[in-house]
Amino acid sequence: MKSMTRYRWMVASRILAAVVVGYALASAISILLALIWPIPKAEAVLASTMLSFAIYAAVVLWVFATKSVLRAWIGLLIPLAIISLLCWWLMPGGAA
């Protein structure tokens, strides 16, 4: 494979990781924060949703700043799995 083609596939992989998995990670963090903040639920949802925009931007920047594509994918998928399990466990009726 030519080096230019390989480079384009690596950039495409980072874009996919940032857009899809980054969005899922920001959403999961938003849900987790809404579940654990000790404020009224409507305010917790609003605050965590507003914070999720900054989290998503930080995740996208991190994906393109990290050294390798594999590190970007692993660095997104492991926290996503952990946070998703925590959300499932904390939701009413989740771990029942």
C-alpha atoms as a PDB file:
ATOM      1  CA  MET A   1       0.000   0.000   0.000  1.00  0.00           C
ATOM      2  CA  LYS A   2       1.334   3.406  -0.875  1.00  0.00           C
ATOM      3  CA  SER A   3       2.227   5.672   1.995  1.00  0.00           C
ATOM      4  CA  MET A   4      -0.279   8.328   0.893  1.00  0.00           C
ATOM      5  CA  THR A   5      -3.108   5.767   0.837  1.00  0.00           C
ATOM      6  CA  ARG A   6      -2.072   4.470   4.262  1.00  0.00           C
ATOM      7  CA  TYR A   7      -2.000   8.018   5.618  1.00  0.00           C
ATOM      8  CA  ARG A   8      -5.495   8.707   4.270  1.00  0.00           C
ATOM      9  CA  TRP A   9      -6.864   5.549   5.878  1.00  0.00           C
ATOM     10  CA  MET A  10      -5.308   6.566   9.197  1.00  0.00           C
ATOM     11  CA  VAL A  11      -6.912  10.016   8.981  1.00  0.00           C
ATOM     12  CA  ALA A  12     -10.250   8.462   8.019  1.00  0.00           C
ATOM     13  CA  SER A  13      -9.985   6.129  11.011  1.00  0.00           C
ATOM     14  CA  ARG A  14      -9.315   9.071  13.335  1.00  0.00           C
ATOM     15  CA  ILE A  15     -12.276  10.953  11.881  1.00  0.00           C
ATOM     16  CA  LEU A  16     -14.505   7.926  12.429  1.00  0.00           C
ATOM     17  CA  ALA A  17     -13.233   7.529  15.991  1.00  0.00           C
ATOM     18  CA  ALA A  18     -13.704  11.205  16.778  1.00  0.00           C
ATOM     19  CA  VAL A  19     -17.156  11.545  15.248  1.00  0.00           C
ATOM     20  CA  VAL A  20     -18.821   8.272  16.230  1.00  0.00           C
ATOM     21  CA  VAL A  21     -17.054   7.030  19.345  1.00  0.00           C
ATOM     22  CA  GLY A  22     -16.306  10.547  20.571  1.00  0.00           C
ATOM     23  CA  TYR A  23     -19.998  11.401  20.386  1.00  0.00           C
ATOM     24  CA  ALA A  24     -20.910   8.194  22.216  1.00  0.00           C
ATOM     25  CA  LEU A  25     -18.324   8.933  24.915  1.00  0.00           C
ATOM     26  CA  ALA A  26     -19.531  12.508  25.397  1.00  0.00           C
ATOM     27  CA  SER A  27     -23.123  11.254  25.601  1.00  0.00           C
ATOM     28  CA  ALA A  28     -22.222   8.576  28.134  1.00  0.00           C
ATOM     29  CA  ILE A  29     -20.366  11.101  30.281  1.00  0.00           C
ATOM     30  CA  SER A  30     -23.357  13.416  30.066  1.00  0.00           C
ATOM     31  CA  ILE A  31     -25.697  10.656  31.241  1.00  0.00           C
ATOM     32  CA  LEU A  32     -23.352   9.679  34.061  1.00  0.00           C
ATOM     33  CA  LEU A  33     -23.070  13.257  35.276  1.00  0.00           C
ATOM     34  CA  ALA A  34     -26.836  13.708  35.143  1.00  0.00           C
ATOM     35  CA  LEU A  35     -27.224  10.584  37.270  1.00  0.00           C
ATOM     36  CA  ILE A  36     -24.676  11.451  39.958  1.00  0.00           C
ATOM     37  CA  TRP A  37     -24.980  15.217  40.427  1.00  0.00           C
ATOM     38  CA  PRO A  38     -26.806  15.964  43.687  1.00  0.00           C
ATOM     39  CA  ILE A  39     -29.012  18.681  42.212  1.00  0.00           C
ATOM     40  CA  PRO A  40     -32.562  18.508  40.843  1.00  0.00           C
ATOM     41  CA  LYS A  41     -32.724  16.164  37.844  1.00  0.00           C
ATOM     42  CA  ALA A  42     -33.794  18.825  35.343  1.00  0.00           C
ATOM     43  CA  GLU A  43     -30.839  21.032  36.278  1.00  0.00           C
ATOM     44  CA  ALA A  44     -28.450  18.064  36.265  1.00  0.00           C
ATOM     45  CA  VAL A  45     -29.559  17.078  32.766  1.00  0.00           C
ATOM     46  CA  LEU A  46     -29.238  20.641  31.490  1.00  0.00           C
ATOM     47  CA  ALA A  47     -25.816  21.200  33.062  1.00  0.00           C
ATOM     48  CA  SER A  48     -24.415  17.864  31.917  1.00  0.00           C
ATOM     49  CA  THR A  49     -25.726  18.422  28.396  1.00  0.00           C
ATOM     50  CA  MET A  50     -24.061  21.826  28.187  1.00  0.00           C
ATOM     51  CA  LEU A  51     -20.820  20.344  29.527  1.00  0.00           C
ATOM     52  CA  SER A  52     -20.968  17.534  26.970  1.00  0.00           C
ATOM     53  CA  PHE A  53     -20.262  20.001  24.144  1.00  0.00           C
ATOM     54  CA  ALA A  54     -16.938  20.934  25.744  1.00  0.00           C
ATOM     55  CA  ILE A  55     -16.173  17.267  26.454  1.00  0.00           C
ATOM     56  CA  TYR A  56     -16.874  16.338  22.828  1.00  0.00           C
ATOM     57  CA  ALA A  57     -14.592  19.111  21.566  1.00  0.00           C
ATOM     58  CA  ALA A  58     -11.825  17.947  23.916  1.00  0.00           C
ATOM     59  CA  VAL A  59     -12.244  14.346  22.767  1.00  0.00           C
ATOM     60  CA  VAL A  60     -11.998  15.337  19.092  1.00  0.00           C
ATOM     61  CA  LEU A  61      -8.842  17.343  19.791  1.00  0.00           C
ATOM     62  CA  TRP A  62      -7.344  14.466  21.755  1.00  0.00           C
ATOM     63  CA  VAL A  63      -8.037  11.933  18.979  1.00  0.00           C
ATOM     64  CA  PHE A  64      -6.025  13.993  16.514  1.00  0.00           C
ATOM     65  CA  ALA A  65      -3.289  14.866  19.015  1.00  0.00           C
ATOM     66  CA  THR A  66      -2.562  11.323  20.154  1.00  0.00           C
ATOM     67  CA  LYS A  67       0.431   9.519  18.767  1.00  0.00           C
ATOM     68  CA  SER A  68      -1.206   6.552  17.056  1.00  0.00           C
ATOM     69  CA  VAL A  69      -4.575   5.556  15.682  1.00  0.00           C
ATOM     70  CA  LEU A  70      -4.668   2.428  17.834  1.00  0.00           C
ATOM     71  CA  ARG A  71      -4.081   4.489  20.965  1.00  0.00           C
ATOM     72  CA  ALA A  72      -6.930   6.808  19.947  1.00  0.00           C
ATOM     73  CA  TRP A  73      -9.359   3.921  19.475  1.00  0.00           C
ATOM     74  CA  ILE A  74      -8.354   2.165  22.694  1.00  0.00           C
ATOM     75  CA  GLY A  75      -8.354   5.452  24.574  1.00  0.00           C
ATOM     76  CA  LEU A  76     -11.965   6.006  23.540  1.00  0.00           C
ATOM     77  CA  LEU A  77     -13.409   2.501  23.715  1.00  0.00           C
ATOM     78  CA  ILE A  78     -12.176   1.551  27.198  1.00  0.00           C
ATOM     79  CA  PRO A  79     -13.578   4.662  28.949  1.00  0.00           C
ATOM     80  CA  LEU A  80     -16.771   4.335  26.913  1.00  0.00           C
ATOM     81  CA  ALA A  81     -17.256   0.754  28.110  1.00  0.00           C
ATOM     82  CA  ILE A  82     -16.537   1.649  31.750  1.00  0.00           C
ATOM     83  CA  ILE A  83     -18.788   4.720  31.769  1.00  0.00           C
ATOM     84  CA  SER A  84     -21.571   2.855  29.970  1.00  0.00           C
ATOM     85  CA  LEU A  85     -21.473   0.100  32.600  1.00  0.00           C
ATOM     86  CA  LEU A  86     -21.566   2.699  35.376  1.00  0.00           C
ATOM     87  CA  CYS A  87     -24.572   4.395  33.758  1.00  0.00           C
ATOM     88  CA  TRP A  88     -26.346   1.065  33.414  1.00  0.00           C
ATOM     89  CA  TRP A  89     -25.620   0.239  37.046  1.00  0.00           C
ATOM     90  CA  LEU A  90     -26.793   3.639  38.341  1.00  0.00           C
ATOM     91  CA  MET A  91     -29.990   3.910  36.296  1.00  0.00           C
ATOM     92  CA  PRO A  92     -33.174   2.983  38.119  1.00  0.00           C
ATOM     93  CA  GLY A  93     -33.857  -0.643  37.297  1.00  0.00           C
ATOM     94  CA  GLY A  94     -30.544  -0.958  35.417  1.00  0.00           C
ATOM     95  CA  ALA A  95     -28.747  -3.524  37.540  1.00  0.00           C
ATOM     96  CA  ALA A  96     -31.849  -5.000  39.147  1.00  0.00           C
END
